[in-house]
Amino acid sequence: MSQTPGDEGVLRGPHVLEYPYRRSLGPVLGRFFNDLRDGKLVGIRTKSGKVLVPPQEYDPETGETLDEFVEVGPGGEVVSWSWVSKPRKKQPLQRPFAYALIKLDGADLPMLHAVDAGEESKLAIGTRVVARFADEPSGGIRDLRCFELEAR
């Protein structure tokens, strides 16, 4: 602990806020991550017919168990985004990028993920993006490395 000049009597110490944990996966998220490892994106159909990505075990409207998987993407449309000009050490990319809500083709609700657009001026609502998968998949969320601008 240290004191800053002028702060006599005030103690200071380092504080790191992290939530390290491991989560066990059931059949729904297990399938989602296995498919990511294989370079595919899947959602799940709710009882009302909406497709959710990432898939959920229970219908958010009815609480019923869900089990009808639907392949989606790999392309989609940016519906909202926020530019990160100075990425932090643990963020998905170490160069400027966007966090975006992306409505994947075949999905009804958007998912949040990183978009490697190169520069902020290339993004707008409606921009088409496509999934970029990891070169060496490991069976986790980082197997979906990020999204990138769709080639035209």
N, C-alpha and C. Protein backbone atom coordinates (compact mmCIF):
# COMPACT_ATOMS: atom_id res chain seq x y z
N MET A 1 0.84 -1.17 0.00
CA MET A 1 0.00 0.00 0.00
C MET A 1 0.89 1.23 0.00
N SER A 2 0.38 2.28 -0.56
CA SER A 2 1.18 3.50 -0.66
C SER A 2 0.33 4.70 -0.31
N GLN A 3 1.03 5.79 -0.09
CA GLN A 3 0.35 7.06 0.15
C GLN A 3 0.77 8.04 -0.92
N THR A 4 -0.16 8.86 -1.36
CA THR A 4 0.11 9.92 -2.30
C THR A 4 0.34 11.19 -1.51
N PRO A 5 1.36 12.00 -1.85
CA PRO A 5 1.57 13.25 -1.12
C PRO A 5 0.29 14.07 -1.03
N GLY A 6 0.00 14.55 0.15
CA GLY A 6 -1.22 15.32 0.38
C GLY A 6 -2.39 14.46 0.82
N ASP A 7 -2.23 13.16 0.79
CA ASP A 7 -3.29 12.24 1.20
C ASP A 7 -2.90 11.51 2.48
N GLU A 8 -2.23 12.21 3.39
CA GLU A 8 -1.81 11.56 4.63
C GLU A 8 -3.02 10.91 5.29
N GLY A 9 -2.83 9.69 5.72
CA GLY A 9 -3.91 8.96 6.37
C GLY A 9 -4.79 8.17 5.42
N VAL A 10 -4.64 8.37 4.11
CA VAL A 10 -5.43 7.63 3.13
C VAL A 10 -4.55 6.49 2.61
N LEU A 11 -5.00 5.29 2.79
CA LEU A 11 -4.27 4.13 2.29
C LEU A 11 -4.79 3.75 0.92
N ARG A 12 -3.89 3.38 0.05
CA ARG A 12 -4.27 2.97 -1.31
C ARG A 12 -3.64 1.61 -1.59
N GLY A 13 -4.33 0.82 -2.36
CA GLY A 13 -3.82 -0.48 -2.72
C GLY A 13 -4.37 -0.92 -4.06
N PRO A 14 -3.69 -1.84 -4.72
CA PRO A 14 -4.18 -2.30 -6.03
C PRO A 14 -5.47 -3.11 -5.87
N HIS A 15 -6.32 -2.99 -6.87
CA HIS A 15 -7.57 -3.76 -6.87
C HIS A 15 -7.83 -4.21 -8.30
N VAL A 16 -7.98 -5.50 -8.49
CA VAL A 16 -8.28 -6.05 -9.80
C VAL A 16 -9.67 -6.65 -9.74
N LEU A 17 -10.54 -6.18 -10.63
CA LEU A 17 -11.91 -6.69 -10.68
C LEU A 17 -12.00 -7.71 -11.79
N GLU A 18 -12.12 -8.98 -11.45
CA GLU A 18 -12.26 -10.06 -12.42
C GLU A 18 -13.23 -11.08 -11.88
N TYR A 19 -13.78 -11.86 -12.76
CA TYR A 19 -14.69 -12.93 -12.39
C TYR A 19 -14.24 -14.23 -13.04
N PRO A 20 -13.11 -14.76 -12.59
CA PRO A 20 -12.67 -16.02 -13.20
C PRO A 20 -13.56 -17.18 -12.74
N TYR A 21 -14.10 -17.89 -13.68
CA TYR A 21 -14.95 -19.03 -13.34
C TYR A 21 -15.00 -19.97 -14.53
N ARG A 22 -15.44 -21.16 -14.28
CA ARG A 22 -15.67 -22.15 -15.33
C ARG A 22 -17.15 -22.51 -15.27
N ARG A 23 -17.72 -22.73 -16.42
CA ARG A 23 -19.14 -23.05 -16.49
C ARG A 23 -19.29 -24.39 -17.19
N SER A 24 -20.11 -25.23 -16.64
CA SER A 24 -20.40 -26.49 -17.33
C SER A 24 -21.47 -26.21 -18.39
N LEU A 25 -21.40 -26.94 -19.48
CA LEU A 25 -22.33 -26.73 -20.58
C LEU A 25 -23.33 -27.87 -20.65
N GLY A 26 -24.56 -27.52 -20.87
CA GLY A 26 -25.59 -28.52 -21.07
C GLY A 26 -25.71 -28.82 -22.56
N PRO A 27 -26.79 -29.47 -22.97
CA PRO A 27 -26.95 -29.88 -24.36
C PRO A 27 -27.10 -28.71 -25.34
N VAL A 28 -27.66 -27.60 -24.90
CA VAL A 28 -27.89 -26.48 -25.81
C VAL A 28 -26.60 -25.70 -26.07
N LEU A 29 -25.97 -25.19 -25.03
CA LEU A 29 -24.72 -24.46 -25.24
C LEU A 29 -23.60 -25.39 -25.69
N GLY A 30 -23.64 -26.65 -25.25
CA GLY A 30 -22.66 -27.62 -25.73
C GLY A 30 -22.73 -27.76 -27.25
N ARG A 31 -23.93 -27.85 -27.77
CA ARG A 31 -24.11 -27.94 -29.23
C ARG A 31 -23.63 -26.66 -29.91
N PHE A 32 -23.97 -25.50 -29.34
CA PHE A 32 -23.56 -24.22 -29.90
C PHE A 32 -22.03 -24.14 -30.03
N PHE A 33 -21.32 -24.49 -28.95
CA PHE A 33 -19.86 -24.41 -28.98
C PHE A 33 -19.23 -25.49 -29.86
N ASN A 34 -19.81 -26.67 -29.91
CA ASN A 34 -19.31 -27.71 -30.82
C ASN A 34 -19.45 -27.26 -32.27
N ASP A 35 -20.59 -26.63 -32.59
CA ASP A 35 -20.79 -26.13 -33.95
C ASP A 35 -19.84 -24.98 -34.27
N LEU A 36 -19.58 -24.09 -33.29
CA LEU A 36 -18.60 -23.02 -33.52
C LEU A 36 -17.24 -23.62 -33.86
N ARG A 37 -16.87 -24.64 -33.12
CA ARG A 37 -15.58 -25.32 -33.36
C ARG A 37 -15.53 -25.84 -34.81
N ASP A 38 -16.70 -26.25 -35.35
CA ASP A 38 -16.78 -26.77 -36.71
C ASP A 38 -17.04 -25.68 -37.75
N GLY A 39 -17.02 -24.40 -37.33
CA GLY A 39 -17.21 -23.30 -38.27
C GLY A 39 -18.65 -23.05 -38.67
N LYS A 40 -19.59 -23.39 -37.77
CA LYS A 40 -21.02 -23.17 -38.05
C LYS A 40 -21.64 -22.38 -36.90
N LEU A 41 -22.68 -21.63 -37.22
CA LEU A 41 -23.46 -20.89 -36.22
C LEU A 41 -24.86 -21.48 -36.16
N VAL A 42 -25.33 -21.73 -34.95
CA VAL A 42 -26.69 -22.23 -34.78
C VAL A 42 -27.44 -21.38 -33.75
N GLY A 43 -28.74 -21.32 -33.97
CA GLY A 43 -29.64 -20.71 -33.01
C GLY A 43 -30.65 -21.76 -32.59
N ILE A 44 -31.65 -21.31 -31.87
CA ILE A 44 -32.70 -22.23 -31.44
C ILE A 44 -34.05 -21.56 -31.64
N ARG A 45 -35.03 -22.34 -32.10
CA ARG A 45 -36.36 -21.80 -32.39
C ARG A 45 -37.23 -21.84 -31.13
N THR A 46 -37.86 -20.71 -30.83
CA THR A 46 -38.77 -20.64 -29.68
C THR A 46 -40.13 -21.21 -30.09
N LYS A 47 -41.00 -21.37 -29.12
CA LYS A 47 -42.34 -21.91 -29.40
C LYS A 47 -43.14 -20.99 -30.31
N SER A 48 -42.82 -19.67 -30.29
CA SER A 48 -43.53 -18.74 -31.17
C SER A 48 -42.87 -18.63 -32.55
N GLY A 49 -41.75 -19.35 -32.76
CA GLY A 49 -41.11 -19.38 -34.06
C GLY A 49 -39.90 -18.48 -34.21
N LYS A 50 -39.56 -17.68 -33.20
CA LYS A 50 -38.38 -16.82 -33.28
C LYS A 50 -37.11 -17.67 -33.12
N VAL A 51 -36.05 -17.25 -33.82
CA VAL A 51 -34.76 -17.93 -33.71
C VAL A 51 -33.82 -17.06 -32.89
N LEU A 52 -33.31 -17.64 -31.79
CA LEU A 52 -32.42 -16.93 -30.87
C LEU A 52 -30.98 -17.39 -31.06
N VAL A 53 -30.06 -16.44 -31.11
CA VAL A 53 -28.62 -16.73 -31.20
C VAL A 53 -27.90 -15.81 -30.23
N PRO A 54 -27.08 -16.34 -29.35
CA PRO A 54 -26.84 -17.75 -29.10
C PRO A 54 -28.09 -18.43 -28.56
N PRO A 55 -28.16 -19.74 -28.72
CA PRO A 55 -29.36 -20.46 -28.28
C PRO A 55 -29.51 -20.45 -26.76
N GLN A 56 -30.74 -20.50 -26.32
CA GLN A 56 -31.06 -20.58 -24.89
C GLN A 56 -31.77 -21.90 -24.61
N GLU A 57 -31.62 -22.36 -23.39
CA GLU A 57 -32.25 -23.63 -23.02
C GLU A 57 -33.75 -23.52 -22.84
N TYR A 58 -34.20 -22.32 -22.44
CA TYR A 58 -35.62 -22.14 -22.14
C TYR A 58 -36.17 -20.95 -22.92
N ASP A 59 -37.41 -21.08 -23.33
CA ASP A 59 -38.10 -20.01 -24.05
C ASP A 59 -38.25 -18.81 -23.11
N PRO A 60 -37.72 -17.63 -23.49
CA PRO A 60 -37.81 -16.48 -22.59
C PRO A 60 -39.24 -15.98 -22.36
N GLU A 61 -40.17 -16.35 -23.24
CA GLU A 61 -41.56 -15.92 -23.09
C GLU A 61 -42.40 -16.91 -22.29
N THR A 62 -42.12 -18.21 -22.46
CA THR A 62 -42.98 -19.22 -21.83
C THR A 62 -42.28 -20.06 -20.76
N GLY A 63 -40.94 -20.06 -20.77
CA GLY A 63 -40.20 -20.90 -19.83
C GLY A 63 -40.09 -22.35 -20.27
N GLU A 64 -40.65 -22.70 -21.43
CA GLU A 64 -40.60 -24.08 -21.91
C GLU A 64 -39.19 -24.43 -22.41
N THR A 65 -38.85 -25.70 -22.30
CA THR A 65 -37.57 -26.20 -22.80
C THR A 65 -37.54 -26.08 -24.32
N LEU A 66 -36.39 -25.65 -24.85
CA LEU A 66 -36.22 -25.51 -26.30
C LEU A 66 -35.23 -26.54 -26.81
N ASP A 67 -35.50 -27.09 -28.01
CA ASP A 67 -34.59 -28.11 -28.55
C ASP A 67 -34.53 -28.14 -30.07
N GLU A 68 -35.16 -27.18 -30.76
CA GLU A 68 -35.13 -27.16 -32.23
C GLU A 68 -34.03 -26.23 -32.71
N PHE A 69 -32.88 -26.81 -33.06
CA PHE A 69 -31.74 -26.02 -33.52
C PHE A 69 -31.92 -25.61 -34.97
N VAL A 70 -31.40 -24.43 -35.31
CA VAL A 70 -31.52 -23.87 -36.66
C VAL A 70 -30.16 -23.31 -37.04
N GLU A 71 -29.63 -23.71 -38.19
CA GLU A 71 -28.37 -23.12 -38.65
C GLU A 71 -28.66 -21.71 -39.14
N VAL A 72 -27.80 -20.77 -38.77
CA VAL A 72 -27.95 -19.36 -39.14
C VAL A 72 -26.64 -18.85 -39.73
N GLY A 73 -26.71 -17.61 -40.27
CA GLY A 73 -25.50 -16.96 -40.78
C GLY A 73 -24.89 -17.74 -41.93
N PRO A 74 -23.60 -17.63 -42.15
CA PRO A 74 -22.62 -16.94 -41.32
C PRO A 74 -22.62 -15.43 -41.50
N GLY A 75 -23.45 -14.93 -42.42
CA GLY A 75 -23.55 -13.49 -42.62
C GLY A 75 -24.68 -12.90 -41.83
N GLY A 76 -24.65 -11.59 -41.73
CA GLY A 76 -25.71 -10.88 -41.03
C GLY A 76 -25.58 -9.39 -41.24
N GLU A 77 -26.42 -8.65 -40.51
CA GLU A 77 -26.51 -7.21 -40.67
C GLU A 77 -26.30 -6.51 -39.33
N VAL A 78 -25.49 -5.46 -39.33
CA VAL A 78 -25.26 -4.66 -38.13
C VAL A 78 -26.52 -3.84 -37.85
N VAL A 79 -27.06 -3.97 -36.65
CA VAL A 79 -28.24 -3.19 -36.28
C VAL A 79 -27.90 -2.06 -35.31
N SER A 80 -26.74 -2.17 -34.67
CA SER A 80 -26.25 -1.13 -33.76
C SER A 80 -24.79 -1.42 -33.48
N TRP A 81 -24.00 -0.40 -33.19
CA TRP A 81 -22.59 -0.64 -32.93
C TRP A 81 -21.97 0.50 -32.13
N SER A 82 -20.84 0.18 -31.52
CA SER A 82 -20.07 1.16 -30.76
C SER A 82 -18.59 0.94 -31.07
N TRP A 83 -17.89 2.00 -31.44
CA TRP A 83 -16.49 1.89 -31.85
C TRP A 83 -15.56 1.90 -30.64
N VAL A 84 -14.57 1.03 -30.65
CA VAL A 84 -13.56 0.95 -29.60
C VAL A 84 -12.25 1.40 -30.23
N SER A 85 -11.83 2.63 -29.94
CA SER A 85 -10.63 3.17 -30.58
C SER A 85 -9.35 2.74 -29.88
N LYS A 86 -9.44 2.44 -28.57
CA LYS A 86 -8.26 2.01 -27.82
C LYS A 86 -8.59 0.72 -27.07
N PRO A 87 -8.43 -0.42 -27.73
CA PRO A 87 -8.77 -1.70 -27.09
C PRO A 87 -7.93 -1.95 -25.85
N ARG A 88 -8.54 -2.61 -24.88
CA ARG A 88 -7.83 -3.04 -23.68
C ARG A 88 -7.23 -4.42 -23.91
N LYS A 89 -6.35 -4.81 -23.03
CA LYS A 89 -5.57 -6.03 -23.19
C LYS A 89 -6.44 -7.27 -23.42
N LYS A 90 -7.55 -7.41 -22.71
CA LYS A 90 -8.35 -8.63 -22.80
C LYS A 90 -9.50 -8.56 -23.80
N GLN A 91 -9.55 -7.48 -24.59
CA GLN A 91 -10.61 -7.39 -25.59
C GLN A 91 -10.26 -8.28 -26.79
N PRO A 92 -11.25 -8.61 -27.62
CA PRO A 92 -11.03 -9.62 -28.66
C PRO A 92 -10.04 -9.23 -29.75
N LEU A 93 -9.87 -7.94 -30.01
CA LEU A 93 -8.91 -7.50 -31.02
C LEU A 93 -8.01 -6.44 -30.41
N GLN A 94 -6.77 -6.40 -30.84
CA GLN A 94 -5.82 -5.44 -30.30
C GLN A 94 -5.54 -4.30 -31.27
N ARG A 95 -6.55 -3.96 -32.04
CA ARG A 95 -6.55 -2.80 -32.92
C ARG A 95 -7.98 -2.24 -32.86
N PRO A 96 -8.20 -1.02 -33.29
CA PRO A 96 -9.56 -0.47 -33.22
C PRO A 96 -10.58 -1.40 -33.89
N PHE A 97 -11.75 -1.54 -33.24
CA PHE A 97 -12.81 -2.42 -33.73
C PHE A 97 -14.14 -1.92 -33.18
N ALA A 98 -15.21 -2.59 -33.52
CA ALA A 98 -16.53 -2.25 -33.00
C ALA A 98 -17.12 -3.43 -32.26
N TYR A 99 -17.86 -3.12 -31.21
CA TYR A 99 -18.79 -4.10 -30.65
C TYR A 99 -20.10 -3.81 -31.34
N ALA A 100 -20.74 -4.84 -31.87
CA ALA A 100 -21.96 -4.61 -32.64
C ALA A 100 -23.03 -5.63 -32.29
N LEU A 101 -24.27 -5.21 -32.43
CA LEU A 101 -25.40 -6.14 -32.41
C LEU A 101 -25.60 -6.55 -33.86
N ILE A 102 -25.50 -7.85 -34.10
CA ILE A 102 -25.56 -8.39 -35.46
C ILE A 102 -26.74 -9.35 -35.57
N LYS A 103 -27.65 -9.03 -36.48
CA LYS A 103 -28.78 -9.91 -36.75
C LYS A 103 -28.35 -10.86 -37.86
N LEU A 104 -28.04 -12.09 -37.46
CA LEU A 104 -27.56 -13.09 -38.42
C LEU A 104 -28.68 -13.51 -39.36
N ASP A 105 -28.32 -13.87 -40.57
CA ASP A 105 -29.29 -14.37 -41.53
C ASP A 105 -29.97 -15.61 -40.93
N GLY A 106 -31.28 -15.59 -40.87
CA GLY A 106 -32.05 -16.69 -40.31
C GLY A 106 -32.39 -16.52 -38.85
N ALA A 107 -31.84 -15.49 -38.19
CA ALA A 107 -32.15 -15.22 -36.78
C ALA A 107 -33.14 -14.07 -36.68
N ASP A 108 -33.86 -14.03 -35.56
CA ASP A 108 -34.83 -12.95 -35.36
C ASP A 108 -34.33 -11.86 -34.42
N LEU A 109 -33.38 -12.20 -33.56
CA LEU A 109 -32.84 -11.24 -32.62
C LEU A 109 -31.33 -11.16 -32.81
N PRO A 110 -30.73 -9.97 -32.61
CA PRO A 110 -29.29 -9.84 -32.83
C PRO A 110 -28.47 -10.41 -31.68
N MET A 111 -27.21 -10.72 -32.01
CA MET A 111 -26.25 -11.14 -30.99
C MET A 111 -25.14 -10.10 -30.95
N LEU A 112 -24.48 -10.00 -29.80
CA LEU A 112 -23.38 -9.06 -29.62
C LEU A 112 -22.06 -9.74 -29.91
N HIS A 113 -21.24 -9.10 -30.73
CA HIS A 113 -19.89 -9.62 -30.99
C HIS A 113 -19.03 -8.51 -31.58
N ALA A 114 -17.75 -8.80 -31.73
CA ALA A 114 -16.78 -7.84 -32.27
C ALA A 114 -16.84 -7.84 -33.80
N VAL A 115 -16.62 -6.64 -34.37
CA VAL A 115 -16.54 -6.49 -35.82
C VAL A 115 -15.20 -5.83 -36.15
N ASP A 116 -14.41 -6.50 -36.98
CA ASP A 116 -13.13 -5.98 -37.44
C ASP A 116 -13.38 -5.27 -38.76
N ALA A 117 -13.68 -3.97 -38.69
CA ALA A 117 -14.03 -3.19 -39.87
C ALA A 117 -12.86 -2.39 -40.42
N GLY A 118 -11.76 -2.34 -39.69
CA GLY A 118 -10.61 -1.57 -40.14
C GLY A 118 -10.67 -0.12 -39.72
N GLU A 119 -11.78 0.52 -40.01
CA GLU A 119 -11.96 1.91 -39.59
C GLU A 119 -13.44 2.20 -39.37
N GLU A 120 -13.69 3.13 -38.48
CA GLU A 120 -15.06 3.44 -38.06
C GLU A 120 -15.95 3.87 -39.23
N SER A 121 -15.40 4.59 -40.18
CA SER A 121 -16.20 5.12 -41.29
C SER A 121 -16.79 4.03 -42.18
N LYS A 122 -16.31 2.80 -42.07
CA LYS A 122 -16.84 1.71 -42.89
C LYS A 122 -18.08 1.05 -42.29
N LEU A 123 -18.47 1.46 -41.08
CA LEU A 123 -19.63 0.86 -40.41
C LEU A 123 -20.82 1.79 -40.45
N ALA A 124 -21.98 1.19 -40.59
CA ALA A 124 -23.25 1.91 -40.52
C ALA A 124 -24.32 0.88 -40.19
N ILE A 125 -25.44 1.33 -39.73
CA ILE A 125 -26.56 0.43 -39.53
C ILE A 125 -26.91 -0.17 -40.90
N GLY A 126 -27.03 -1.47 -40.96
CA GLY A 126 -27.31 -2.15 -42.21
C GLY A 126 -26.08 -2.73 -42.89
N THR A 127 -24.88 -2.42 -42.39
CA THR A 127 -23.66 -2.97 -42.98
C THR A 127 -23.70 -4.49 -42.89
N ARG A 128 -23.35 -5.15 -43.99
CA ARG A 128 -23.31 -6.61 -44.03
C ARG A 128 -21.95 -7.08 -43.52
N VAL A 129 -21.99 -8.08 -42.64
CA VAL A 129 -20.78 -8.68 -42.08
C VAL A 129 -20.88 -10.20 -42.19
N VAL A 130 -19.72 -10.84 -42.04
CA VAL A 130 -19.67 -12.30 -42.09
C VAL A 130 -18.74 -12.79 -40.99
N ALA A 131 -19.03 -13.97 -40.46
CA ALA A 131 -18.25 -14.53 -39.36
C ALA A 131 -16.84 -14.89 -39.82
N ARG A 132 -15.88 -14.61 -38.93
CA ARG A 132 -14.50 -15.07 -39.12
C ARG A 132 -14.22 -16.03 -37.96
N PHE A 133 -13.92 -17.27 -38.30
CA PHE A 133 -13.69 -18.29 -37.28
C PHE A 133 -12.20 -18.41 -36.99
N ALA A 134 -11.87 -18.92 -35.81
CA ALA A 134 -10.48 -19.09 -35.38
C ALA A 134 -9.75 -20.10 -36.27
N ASP A 135 -8.47 -19.87 -36.47
CA ASP A 135 -7.65 -20.81 -37.25
C ASP A 135 -7.48 -22.13 -36.52
N GLU A 136 -7.39 -22.06 -35.19
CA GLU A 136 -7.23 -23.25 -34.37
C GLU A 136 -8.33 -23.28 -33.32
N PRO A 137 -9.51 -23.84 -33.66
CA PRO A 137 -10.63 -23.84 -32.72
C PRO A 137 -10.36 -24.66 -31.47
N SER A 138 -11.02 -24.23 -30.38
CA SER A 138 -10.81 -24.91 -29.09
C SER A 138 -12.12 -25.30 -28.41
N GLY A 139 -13.25 -25.03 -29.05
CA GLY A 139 -14.53 -25.41 -28.46
C GLY A 139 -15.10 -24.35 -27.53
N GLY A 140 -14.77 -23.06 -27.74
CA GLY A 140 -15.28 -21.98 -26.91
C GLY A 140 -15.75 -20.81 -27.76
N ILE A 141 -16.20 -19.75 -27.11
CA ILE A 141 -16.74 -18.59 -27.80
C ILE A 141 -15.69 -17.93 -28.69
N ARG A 142 -14.41 -18.08 -28.36
CA ARG A 142 -13.37 -17.46 -29.19
C ARG A 142 -13.15 -18.20 -30.51
N ASP A 143 -13.86 -19.31 -30.70
CA ASP A 143 -13.83 -19.96 -32.01
C ASP A 143 -14.51 -19.08 -33.04
N LEU A 144 -15.42 -18.22 -32.60
CA LEU A 144 -15.98 -17.16 -33.44
C LEU A 144 -15.10 -15.95 -33.17
N ARG A 145 -14.06 -15.81 -33.96
CA ARG A 145 -13.03 -14.79 -33.71
C ARG A 145 -13.64 -13.39 -33.69
N CYS A 146 -14.41 -13.09 -34.72
CA CYS A 146 -15.07 -11.78 -34.85
C CYS A 146 -15.90 -11.84 -36.12
N PHE A 147 -16.47 -10.72 -36.48
CA PHE A 147 -17.12 -10.56 -37.78
C PHE A 147 -16.29 -9.58 -38.58
N GLU A 148 -16.36 -9.69 -39.91
CA GLU A 148 -15.66 -8.77 -40.79
C GLU A 148 -16.62 -8.32 -41.88
N LEU A 149 -16.26 -7.24 -42.56
CA LEU A 149 -17.13 -6.74 -43.62
C LEU A 149 -17.28 -7.79 -44.70
N GLU A 150 -18.51 -7.94 -45.17
CA GLU A 150 -18.79 -8.91 -46.22
C GLU A 150 -18.22 -8.40 -47.54
N ALA A 151 -17.52 -9.27 -48.27
CA ALA A 151 -16.97 -8.90 -49.58
C ALA A 151 -18.10 -8.64 -50.55
N ARG A 152 -17.94 -7.64 -51.37
CA ARG A 152 -18.99 -7.32 -52.35
C ARG A 152 -18.55 -7.63 -53.73
